[in-house]
mmCIF file of all heavy atoms, coordinates in Angstrom:
data_MODEL
# 
_entry.id   MODEL 
# 
loop_
_atom_site.group_PDB 
_atom_site.id 
_atom_site.type_symbol 
_atom_site.label_atom_id 
_atom_site.label_alt_id 
_atom_site.label_comp_id 
_atom_site.label_asym_id 
_atom_site.label_entity_id 
_atom_site.label_seq_id 
_atom_site.pdbx_PDB_ins_code 
_atom_site.Cartn_x 
_atom_site.Cartn_y 
_atom_site.Cartn_z 
_atom_site.occupancy 
_atom_site.B_iso_or_equiv 
_atom_site.pdbx_formal_charge 
_atom_site.auth_seq_id 
_atom_site.auth_comp_id 
_atom_site.auth_asym_id 
_atom_site.auth_atom_id 
_atom_site.pdbx_PDB_model_num 
ATOM 1   N N   . VAL A 1 1  ? -32.963 -17.237 -199.353 1.00 0.00 ? 1  VAL A N   1 
ATOM 2   C CA  . VAL A 1 1  ? -32.056 -17.495 -198.234 1.00 0.00 ? 1  VAL A CA  1 
ATOM 3   C C   . VAL A 1 1  ? -30.608 -17.624 -198.699 1.00 0.00 ? 1  VAL A C   1 
ATOM 4   O O   . VAL A 1 1  ? -29.685 -17.126 -198.064 1.00 0.00 ? 1  VAL A O   1 
ATOM 5   C CB  . VAL A 1 1  ? -32.510 -18.760 -197.467 1.00 0.00 ? 1  VAL A CB  1 
ATOM 6   C CG1 . VAL A 1 1  ? -31.456 -19.208 -196.465 1.00 0.00 ? 1  VAL A CG1 1 
ATOM 7   C CG2 . VAL A 1 1  ? -33.827 -18.500 -196.742 1.00 0.00 ? 1  VAL A CG2 1 
ATOM 8   N N   . LEU A 1 2  ? -30.426 -18.308 -199.825 1.00 0.00 ? 2  LEU A N   1 
ATOM 9   C CA  . LEU A 1 2  ? -29.054 -18.467 -200.368 1.00 0.00 ? 2  LEU A CA  1 
ATOM 10  C C   . LEU A 1 2  ? -28.412 -17.106 -200.664 1.00 0.00 ? 2  LEU A C   1 
ATOM 11  O O   . LEU A 1 2  ? -27.258 -16.836 -200.255 1.00 0.00 ? 2  LEU A O   1 
ATOM 12  C CB  . LEU A 1 2  ? -29.085 -19.300 -201.645 1.00 0.00 ? 2  LEU A CB  1 
ATOM 13  C CG  . LEU A 1 2  ? -29.116 -20.812 -201.498 1.00 0.00 ? 2  LEU A CG  1 
ATOM 14  C CD1 . LEU A 1 2  ? -29.121 -21.468 -202.894 1.00 0.00 ? 2  LEU A CD1 1 
ATOM 15  C CD2 . LEU A 1 2  ? -27.926 -21.310 -200.699 1.00 0.00 ? 2  LEU A CD2 1 
ATOM 16  N N   . LEU A 1 3  ? -29.140 -16.244 -201.340 1.00 0.00 ? 3  LEU A N   1 
ATOM 17  C CA  . LEU A 1 3  ? -28.552 -14.961 -201.726 1.00 0.00 ? 3  LEU A CA  1 
ATOM 18  C C   . LEU A 1 3  ? -28.455 -13.992 -200.556 1.00 0.00 ? 3  LEU A C   1 
ATOM 19  O O   . LEU A 1 3  ? -27.486 -13.234 -200.479 1.00 0.00 ? 3  LEU A O   1 
ATOM 20  C CB  . LEU A 1 3  ? -29.389 -14.333 -202.858 1.00 0.00 ? 3  LEU A CB  1 
ATOM 21  C CG  . LEU A 1 3  ? -29.281 -15.045 -204.209 1.00 0.00 ? 3  LEU A CG  1 
ATOM 22  C CD1 . LEU A 1 3  ? -30.079 -14.290 -205.267 1.00 0.00 ? 3  LEU A CD1 1 
ATOM 23  C CD2 . LEU A 1 3  ? -27.858 -15.200 -204.650 1.00 0.00 ? 3  LEU A CD2 1 
ATOM 24  N N   . VAL A 1 4  ? -29.387 -14.030 -199.631 1.00 0.00 ? 4  VAL A N   1 
ATOM 25  C CA  . VAL A 1 4  ? -29.283 -13.176 -198.472 1.00 0.00 ? 4  VAL A CA  1 
ATOM 26  C C   . VAL A 1 4  ? -28.102 -13.617 -197.606 1.00 0.00 ? 4  VAL A C   1 
ATOM 27  O O   . VAL A 1 4  ? -27.325 -12.789 -197.092 1.00 0.00 ? 4  VAL A O   1 
ATOM 28  C CB  . VAL A 1 4  ? -30.593 -13.233 -197.631 1.00 0.00 ? 4  VAL A CB  1 
ATOM 29  C CG1 . VAL A 1 4  ? -30.374 -12.609 -196.254 1.00 0.00 ? 4  VAL A CG1 1 
ATOM 30  C CG2 . VAL A 1 4  ? -31.709 -12.506 -198.370 1.00 0.00 ? 4  VAL A CG2 1 
ATOM 31  N N   . SER A 1 5  ? -27.907 -14.929 -197.458 1.00 0.00 ? 5  SER A N   1 
ATOM 32  C CA  . SER A 1 5  ? -26.775 -15.418 -196.691 1.00 0.00 ? 5  SER A CA  1 
ATOM 33  C C   . SER A 1 5  ? -25.448 -14.994 -197.355 1.00 0.00 ? 5  SER A C   1 
ATOM 34  O O   . SER A 1 5  ? -24.486 -14.598 -196.681 1.00 0.00 ? 5  SER A O   1 
ATOM 35  C CB  . SER A 1 5  ? -26.824 -16.956 -196.589 1.00 0.00 ? 5  SER A CB  1 
ATOM 36  O OG  . SER A 1 5  ? -28.010 -17.373 -195.974 1.00 0.00 ? 5  SER A OG  1 
ATOM 37  N N   . THR A 1 6  ? -25.433 -15.052 -198.671 1.00 0.00 ? 6  THR A N   1 
ATOM 38  C CA  . THR A 1 6  ? -24.237 -14.611 -199.396 1.00 0.00 ? 6  THR A CA  1 
ATOM 39  C C   . THR A 1 6  ? -23.974 -13.127 -199.192 1.00 0.00 ? 6  THR A C   1 
ATOM 40  O O   . THR A 1 6  ? -22.825 -12.705 -198.972 1.00 0.00 ? 6  THR A O   1 
ATOM 41  C CB  . THR A 1 6  ? -24.410 -14.884 -200.908 1.00 0.00 ? 6  THR A CB  1 
ATOM 42  O OG1 . THR A 1 6  ? -24.684 -16.263 -201.107 1.00 0.00 ? 6  THR A OG1 1 
ATOM 43  C CG2 . THR A 1 6  ? -23.160 -14.512 -201.660 1.00 0.00 ? 6  THR A CG2 1 
ATOM 44  N N   . ALA A 1 7  ? -25.051 -12.324 -199.229 1.00 0.00 ? 7  ALA A N   1 
ATOM 45  C CA  . ALA A 1 7  ? -24.892 -10.894 -199.005 1.00 0.00 ? 7  ALA A CA  1 
ATOM 46  C C   . ALA A 1 7  ? -24.366 -10.596 -197.602 1.00 0.00 ? 7  ALA A C   1 
ATOM 47  O O   . ALA A 1 7  ? -23.514 -9.709  -197.414 1.00 0.00 ? 7  ALA A O   1 
ATOM 48  C CB  . ALA A 1 7  ? -26.245 -10.189 -199.221 1.00 0.00 ? 7  ALA A CB  1 
ATOM 49  N N   . LEU A 1 8  ? -24.818 -11.366 -196.643 1.00 0.00 ? 8  LEU A N   1 
ATOM 50  C CA  . LEU A 1 8  ? -24.363 -11.166 -195.262 1.00 0.00 ? 8  LEU A CA  1 
ATOM 51  C C   . LEU A 1 8  ? -22.880 -11.538 -195.136 1.00 0.00 ? 8  LEU A C   1 
ATOM 52  O O   . LEU A 1 8  ? -22.113 -10.835 -194.452 1.00 0.00 ? 8  LEU A O   1 
ATOM 53  C CB  . LEU A 1 8  ? -25.187 -12.013 -194.304 1.00 0.00 ? 8  LEU A CB  1 
ATOM 54  C CG  . LEU A 1 8  ? -26.645 -11.569 -194.105 1.00 0.00 ? 8  LEU A CG  1 
ATOM 55  C CD1 . LEU A 1 8  ? -27.405 -12.598 -193.307 1.00 0.00 ? 8  LEU A CD1 1 
ATOM 56  C CD2 . LEU A 1 8  ? -26.708 -10.210 -193.439 1.00 0.00 ? 8  LEU A CD2 1 
ATOM 57  N N   . VAL A 1 9  ? -22.470 -12.614 -195.783 1.00 0.00 ? 9  VAL A N   1 
ATOM 58  C CA  . VAL A 1 9  ? -21.079 -13.035 -195.708 1.00 0.00 ? 9  VAL A CA  1 
ATOM 59  C C   . VAL A 1 9  ? -20.172 -12.025 -196.413 1.00 0.00 ? 9  VAL A C   1 
ATOM 60  O O   . VAL A 1 9  ? -19.089 -11.687 -195.945 1.00 0.00 ? 9  VAL A O   1 
ATOM 61  C CB  . VAL A 1 9  ? -20.923 -14.445 -196.334 1.00 0.00 ? 9  VAL A CB  1 
ATOM 62  C CG1 . VAL A 1 9  ? -19.441 -14.818 -196.466 1.00 0.00 ? 9  VAL A CG1 1 
ATOM 63  C CG2 . VAL A 1 9  ? -21.632 -15.473 -195.470 1.00 0.00 ? 9  VAL A CG2 1 
ATOM 64  N N   . GLN A 1 10 ? -20.617 -11.522 -197.575 1.00 0.00 ? 10 GLN A N   1 
ATOM 65  C CA  . GLN A 1 10 ? -19.783 -10.620 -198.364 1.00 0.00 ? 10 GLN A CA  1 
ATOM 66  C C   . GLN A 1 10 ? -19.717 -9.210  -197.805 1.00 0.00 ? 10 GLN A C   1 
ATOM 67  O O   . GLN A 1 10 ? -18.919 -8.428  -198.208 1.00 0.00 ? 10 GLN A O   1 
ATOM 68  C CB  . GLN A 1 10 ? -20.304 -10.584 -199.805 1.00 0.00 ? 10 GLN A CB  1 
ATOM 69  C CG  . GLN A 1 10 ? -20.128 -11.897 -200.546 1.00 0.00 ? 10 GLN A CG  1 
ATOM 70  C CD  . GLN A 1 10 ? -20.646 -11.822 -201.963 1.00 0.00 ? 10 GLN A CD  1 
ATOM 71  O OE1 . GLN A 1 10 ? -21.280 -10.864 -202.359 1.00 0.00 ? 10 GLN A OE1 1 
ATOM 72  N NE2 . GLN A 1 10 ? -20.345 -12.852 -202.755 1.00 0.00 ? 10 GLN A NE2 1 
ATOM 73  N N   . ASN A 1 11 ? -20.583 -8.886  -196.876 1.00 0.00 ? 11 ASN A N   1 
ATOM 74  C CA  . ASN A 1 11 ? -20.657 -7.551  -196.311 1.00 0.00 ? 11 ASN A CA  1 
ATOM 75  C C   . ASN A 1 11 ? -20.534 -7.609  -194.795 1.00 0.00 ? 11 ASN A C   1 
ATOM 76  O O   . ASN A 1 11 ? -21.494 -7.328  -194.058 1.00 0.00 ? 11 ASN A O   1 
ATOM 77  C CB  . ASN A 1 11 ? -21.942 -6.843  -196.731 1.00 0.00 ? 11 ASN A CB  1 
ATOM 78  C CG  . ASN A 1 11 ? -22.083 -6.720  -198.216 1.00 0.00 ? 11 ASN A CG  1 
ATOM 79  O OD1 . ASN A 1 11 ? -21.337 -6.006  -198.873 1.00 0.00 ? 11 ASN A OD1 1 
ATOM 80  N ND2 . ASN A 1 11 ? -23.006 -7.445  -198.797 1.00 0.00 ? 11 ASN A ND2 1 
ATOM 81  N N   . ARG A 1 12 ? -19.383 -7.984  -194.326 1.00 0.00 ? 12 ARG A N   1 
ATOM 82  C CA  . ARG A 1 12 ? -19.180 -8.111  -192.878 1.00 0.00 ? 12 ARG A CA  1 
ATOM 83  C C   . ARG A 1 12 ? -19.083 -6.778  -192.181 1.00 0.00 ? 12 ARG A C   1 
ATOM 84  O O   . ARG A 1 12 ? -19.062 -6.722  -190.950 1.00 0.00 ? 12 ARG A O   1 
ATOM 85  C CB  . ARG A 1 12 ? -17.915 -8.921  -192.645 1.00 0.00 ? 12 ARG A CB  1 
ATOM 86  C CG  . ARG A 1 12 ? -18.048 -10.349 -193.098 1.00 0.00 ? 12 ARG A CG  1 
ATOM 87  C CD  . ARG A 1 12 ? -16.815 -11.179 -192.775 1.00 0.00 ? 12 ARG A CD  1 
ATOM 88  N NE  . ARG A 1 12 ? -16.997 -12.553 -193.227 1.00 0.00 ? 12 ARG A NE  1 
ATOM 89  C CZ  . ARG A 1 12 ? -16.064 -13.496 -193.096 1.00 0.00 ? 12 ARG A CZ  1 
ATOM 90  N NH1 . ARG A 1 12 ? -14.901 -13.206 -192.517 1.00 0.00 ? 12 ARG A NH1 1 
ATOM 91  N NH2 . ARG A 1 12 ? -16.318 -14.711 -193.539 1.00 0.00 ? 12 ARG A NH2 1 
ATOM 92  N N   . GLN A 1 13 ? -18.997 -5.692  -192.909 1.00 0.00 ? 13 GLN A N   1 
ATOM 93  C CA  . GLN A 1 13 ? -18.933 -4.364  -192.311 1.00 0.00 ? 13 GLN A CA  1 
ATOM 94  C C   . GLN A 1 13 ? -20.239 -4.036  -191.567 1.00 0.00 ? 13 GLN A C   1 
ATOM 95  O O   . GLN A 1 13 ? -20.265 -3.068  -190.796 1.00 0.00 ? 13 GLN A O   1 
ATOM 96  C CB  . GLN A 1 13 ? -18.688 -3.298  -193.374 1.00 0.00 ? 13 GLN A CB  1 
ATOM 97  C CG  . GLN A 1 13 ? -17.339 -3.370  -193.998 1.00 0.00 ? 13 GLN A CG  1 
ATOM 98  C CD  . GLN A 1 13 ? -17.347 -4.246  -195.236 1.00 0.00 ? 13 GLN A CD  1 
ATOM 99  O OE1 . GLN A 1 13 ? -18.178 -5.150  -195.355 1.00 0.00 ? 13 GLN A OE1 1 
ATOM 100 N NE2 . GLN A 1 13 ? -16.445 -3.973  -196.163 1.00 0.00 ? 13 GLN A NE2 1 
ATOM 101 N N   . ARG A 1 14 ? -21.300 -4.800  -191.801 1.00 0.00 ? 14 ARG A N   1 
ATOM 102 C CA  . ARG A 1 14 ? -22.582 -4.522  -191.162 1.00 0.00 ? 14 ARG A CA  1 
ATOM 103 C C   . ARG A 1 14 ? -22.641 -5.035  -189.736 1.00 0.00 ? 14 ARG A C   1 
ATOM 104 O O   . ARG A 1 14 ? -23.684 -4.933  -189.100 1.00 0.00 ? 14 ARG A O   1 
ATOM 105 C CB  . ARG A 1 14 ? -23.699 -5.136  -191.978 1.00 0.00 ? 14 ARG A CB  1 
ATOM 106 C CG  . ARG A 1 14 ? -23.894 -4.491  -193.315 1.00 0.00 ? 14 ARG A CG  1 
ATOM 107 C CD  . ARG A 1 14 ? -25.208 -4.952  -193.918 1.00 0.00 ? 14 ARG A CD  1 
ATOM 108 N NE  . ARG A 1 14 ? -25.258 -6.396  -194.086 1.00 0.00 ? 14 ARG A NE  1 
ATOM 109 C CZ  . ARG A 1 14 ? -24.897 -7.040  -195.167 1.00 0.00 ? 14 ARG A CZ  1 
ATOM 110 N NH1 . ARG A 1 14 ? -24.450 -6.352  -196.194 1.00 0.00 ? 14 ARG A NH1 1 
ATOM 111 N NH2 . ARG A 1 14 ? -24.987 -8.338  -195.250 1.00 0.00 ? 14 ARG A NH2 1 
ATOM 112 N N   . LYS A 1 15 ? -21.548 -5.635  -189.216 1.00 0.00 ? 15 LYS A N   1 
ATOM 113 C CA  . LYS A 1 15 ? -21.577 -6.194  -187.866 1.00 0.00 ? 15 LYS A CA  1 
ATOM 114 C C   . LYS A 1 15 ? -21.842 -5.125  -186.820 1.00 0.00 ? 15 LYS A C   1 
ATOM 115 O O   . LYS A 1 15 ? -22.480 -5.353  -185.820 1.00 0.00 ? 15 LYS A O   1 
ATOM 116 C CB  . LYS A 1 15 ? -20.258 -6.920  -187.573 1.00 0.00 ? 15 LYS A CB  1 
ATOM 117 C CG  . LYS A 1 15 ? -20.133 -8.248  -188.290 1.00 0.00 ? 15 LYS A CG  1 
ATOM 118 C CD  . LYS A 1 15 ? -18.849 -8.933  -187.902 1.00 0.00 ? 15 LYS A CD  1 
ATOM 119 C CE  . LYS A 1 15 ? -18.724 -10.304 -188.584 1.00 0.00 ? 15 LYS A CE  1 
ATOM 120 N NZ  . LYS A 1 15 ? -17.466 -10.993 -188.225 1.00 0.00 ? 15 LYS A NZ  1 
ATOM 121 N N   . ASN A 1 16 ? -21.299 -3.913  -187.027 1.00 0.00 ? 16 ASN A N   1 
ATOM 122 C CA  . ASN A 1 16 ? -21.423 -2.834  -186.059 1.00 0.00 ? 16 ASN A CA  1 
ATOM 123 C C   . ASN A 1 16 ? -22.562 -1.915  -186.473 1.00 0.00 ? 16 ASN A C   1 
ATOM 124 O O   . ASN A 1 16 ? -22.347 -0.796  -186.882 1.00 0.00 ? 16 ASN A O   1 
ATOM 125 C CB  . ASN A 1 16 ? -20.144 -2.013  -186.000 1.00 0.00 ? 16 ASN A CB  1 
ATOM 126 C CG  . ASN A 1 16 ? -19.353 -2.328  -184.733 1.00 0.00 ? 16 ASN A CG  1 
ATOM 127 O OD1 . ASN A 1 16 ? -19.910 -2.790  -183.775 1.00 0.00 ? 16 ASN A OD1 1 
ATOM 128 N ND2 . ASN A 1 16 ? -18.070 -2.065  -184.794 1.00 0.00 ? 16 ASN A ND2 1 
ATOM 129 N N   . LEU A 1 17 ? -23.806 -2.358  -186.403 1.00 0.00 ? 17 LEU A N   1 
ATOM 130 C CA  . LEU A 1 17 ? -24.930 -1.567  -186.874 1.00 0.00 ? 17 LEU A CA  1 
ATOM 131 C C   . LEU A 1 17 ? -25.122 -0.290  -186.044 1.00 0.00 ? 17 LEU A C   1 
ATOM 132 O O   . LEU A 1 17 ? -25.567 0.723   -186.551 1.00 0.00 ? 17 LEU A O   1 
ATOM 133 C CB  . LEU A 1 17 ? -26.221 -2.400  -186.780 1.00 0.00 ? 17 LEU A CB  1 
ATOM 134 C CG  . LEU A 1 17 ? -26.323 -3.544  -187.820 1.00 0.00 ? 17 LEU A CG  1 
ATOM 135 C CD1 . LEU A 1 17 ? -27.618 -4.283  -187.615 1.00 0.00 ? 17 LEU A CD1 1 
ATOM 136 C CD2 . LEU A 1 17 ? -26.242 -2.996  -189.225 1.00 0.00 ? 17 LEU A CD2 1 
ATOM 137 N N   . GLU A 1 18 ? -24.750 -0.331  -184.747 1.00 0.00 ? 18 GLU A N   1 
ATOM 138 C CA  . GLU A 1 18 ? -24.944 0.844   -183.916 1.00 0.00 ? 18 GLU A CA  1 
ATOM 139 C C   . GLU A 1 18 ? -24.014 1.965   -184.322 1.00 0.00 ? 18 GLU A C   1 
ATOM 140 O O   . GLU A 1 18 ? -24.286 3.137   -184.018 1.00 0.00 ? 18 GLU A O   1 
ATOM 141 C CB  . GLU A 1 18 ? -24.707 0.518   -182.438 1.00 0.00 ? 18 GLU A CB  1 
ATOM 142 C CG  . GLU A 1 18 ? -23.282 0.069   -182.095 1.00 0.00 ? 18 GLU A CG  1 
ATOM 143 C CD  . GLU A 1 18 ? -23.008 -1.388  -182.373 1.00 0.00 ? 18 GLU A CD  1 
ATOM 144 O OE1 . GLU A 1 18 ? -23.917 -2.049  -182.915 1.00 0.00 ? 18 GLU A OE1 1 
ATOM 145 O OE2 . GLU A 1 18 ? -21.927 -1.857  -182.057 1.00 0.00 ? 18 GLU A OE2 1 
ATOM 146 N N   . ALA A 1 19 ? -22.899 1.678   -185.030 1.00 0.00 ? 19 ALA A N   1 
ATOM 147 C CA  . ALA A 1 19 ? -21.963 2.710   -185.439 1.00 0.00 ? 19 ALA A CA  1 
ATOM 148 C C   . ALA A 1 19 ? -22.248 3.257   -186.814 1.00 0.00 ? 19 ALA A C   1 
ATOM 149 O O   . ALA A 1 19 ? -21.607 4.221   -187.259 1.00 0.00 ? 19 ALA A O   1 
ATOM 150 C CB  . ALA A 1 19 ? -20.515 2.196   -185.411 1.00 0.00 ? 19 ALA A CB  1 
ATOM 151 N N   . LEU A 1 20 ? -23.260 2.693   -187.520 1.00 0.00 ? 20 LEU A N   1 
ATOM 152 C CA  . LEU A 1 20 ? -23.500 3.070   -188.913 1.00 0.00 ? 20 LEU A CA  1 
ATOM 153 C C   . LEU A 1 20 ? -23.950 4.529   -189.102 1.00 0.00 ? 20 LEU A C   1 
ATOM 154 O O   . LEU A 1 20 ? -23.510 5.165   -190.032 1.00 0.00 ? 20 LEU A O   1 
ATOM 155 C CB  . LEU A 1 20 ? -24.533 2.142   -189.538 1.00 0.00 ? 20 LEU A CB  1 
ATOM 156 C CG  . LEU A 1 20 ? -24.011 0.749   -189.845 1.00 0.00 ? 20 LEU A CG  1 
ATOM 157 C CD1 . LEU A 1 20 ? -25.133 -0.109  -190.389 1.00 0.00 ? 20 LEU A CD1 1 
ATOM 158 C CD2 . LEU A 1 20 ? -22.866 0.805   -190.815 1.00 0.00 ? 20 LEU A CD2 1 
ATOM 159 N N   . PRO A 1 21 ? -24.831 5.109   -188.221 1.00 0.00 ? 21 PRO A N   1 
ATOM 160 C CA  . PRO A 1 21 ? -25.225 6.487   -188.474 1.00 0.00 ? 21 PRO A CA  1 
ATOM 161 C C   . PRO A 1 21 ? -24.105 7.491   -188.558 1.00 0.00 ? 21 PRO A C   1 
ATOM 162 O O   . PRO A 1 21 ? -24.156 8.414   -189.332 1.00 0.00 ? 21 PRO A O   1 
ATOM 163 C CB  . PRO A 1 21 ? -26.153 6.785   -187.292 1.00 0.00 ? 21 PRO A CB  1 
ATOM 164 C CG  . PRO A 1 21 ? -26.682 5.441   -186.913 1.00 0.00 ? 21 PRO A CG  1 
ATOM 165 C CD  . PRO A 1 21 ? -25.565 4.481   -187.137 1.00 0.00 ? 21 PRO A CD  1 
ATOM 166 N N   . GLU A 1 22 ? -23.014 7.263   -187.793 1.00 0.00 ? 22 GLU A N   1 
ATOM 167 C CA  . GLU A 1 22 ? -21.884 8.180   -187.851 1.00 0.00 ? 22 GLU A CA  1 
ATOM 168 C C   . GLU A 1 22 ? -21.013 7.957   -189.097 1.00 0.00 ? 22 GLU A C   1 
ATOM 169 O O   . GLU A 1 22 ? -20.325 8.865   -189.552 1.00 0.00 ? 22 GLU A O   1 
ATOM 170 C CB  . GLU A 1 22 ? -21.019 8.025   -186.611 1.00 0.00 ? 22 GLU A CB  1 
ATOM 171 C CG  . GLU A 1 22 ? -21.658 8.544   -185.313 1.00 0.00 ? 22 GLU A CG  1 
ATOM 172 C CD  . GLU A 1 22 ? -22.664 7.566   -184.776 1.00 0.00 ? 22 GLU A CD  1 
ATOM 173 O OE1 . GLU A 1 22 ? -22.671 6.405   -185.247 1.00 0.00 ? 22 GLU A OE1 1 
ATOM 174 O OE2 . GLU A 1 22 ? -23.484 7.938   -183.910 1.00 0.00 ? 22 GLU A OE2 1 
ATOM 175 N N   . ASN A 1 23 ? -21.013 6.734   -189.625 1.00 0.00 ? 23 ASN A N   1 
ATOM 176 C CA  . ASN A 1 23 ? -20.074 6.389   -190.684 1.00 0.00 ? 23 ASN A CA  1 
ATOM 177 C C   . ASN A 1 23 ? -20.748 6.115   -192.015 1.00 0.00 ? 23 ASN A C   1 
ATOM 178 O O   . ASN A 1 23 ? -20.140 5.593   -192.916 1.00 0.00 ? 23 ASN A O   1 
ATOM 179 C CB  . ASN A 1 23 ? -19.231 5.151   -190.302 1.00 0.00 ? 23 ASN A CB  1 
ATOM 180 C CG  . ASN A 1 23 ? -18.446 5.376   -189.022 1.00 0.00 ? 23 ASN A CG  1 
ATOM 181 O OD1 . ASN A 1 23 ? -17.959 6.474   -188.784 1.00 0.00 ? 23 ASN A OD1 1 
ATOM 182 N ND2 . ASN A 1 23 ? -18.364 4.348   -188.200 1.00 0.00 ? 23 ASN A ND2 1 
ATOM 183 N N   . VAL A 1 24 ? -22.056 6.421   -192.105 1.00 0.00 ? 24 VAL A N   1 
ATOM 184 C CA  . VAL A 1 24 ? -22.804 6.063   -193.307 1.00 0.00 ? 24 VAL A CA  1 
ATOM 185 C C   . VAL A 1 24 ? -22.182 6.679   -194.549 1.00 0.00 ? 24 VAL A C   1 
ATOM 186 O O   . VAL A 1 24 ? -22.089 6.039   -195.601 1.00 0.00 ? 24 VAL A O   1 
ATOM 187 C CB  . VAL A 1 24 ? -24.260 6.503   -193.149 1.00 0.00 ? 24 VAL A CB  1 
ATOM 188 C CG1 . VAL A 1 24 ? -24.889 6.869   -194.475 1.00 0.00 ? 24 VAL A CG1 1 
ATOM 189 C CG2 . VAL A 1 24 ? -25.048 5.372   -192.530 1.00 0.00 ? 24 VAL A CG2 1 
ATOM 190 N N   . SER A 1 25 ? -21.729 7.922   -194.482 1.00 0.00 ? 25 SER A N   1 
ATOM 191 C CA  . SER A 1 25 ? -21.239 8.606   -195.658 1.00 0.00 ? 25 SER A CA  1 
ATOM 192 C C   . SER A 1 25 ? -19.924 8.061   -196.156 1.00 0.00 ? 25 SER A C   1 
ATOM 193 O O   . SER A 1 25 ? -19.545 8.265   -197.300 1.00 0.00 ? 25 SER A O   1 
ATOM 194 C CB  . SER A 1 25 ? -21.076 10.100  -195.368 1.00 0.00 ? 25 SER A CB  1 
ATOM 195 O OG  . SER A 1 25 ? -20.156 10.277  -194.312 1.00 0.00 ? 25 SER A OG  1 
# 
């Protein structure tokens, strides 16, 4: 939980998951 929480905080770009297929590359 500690490391997953850290990964979530450090990678805030994942907030828009619905836009990821267009911008994955």
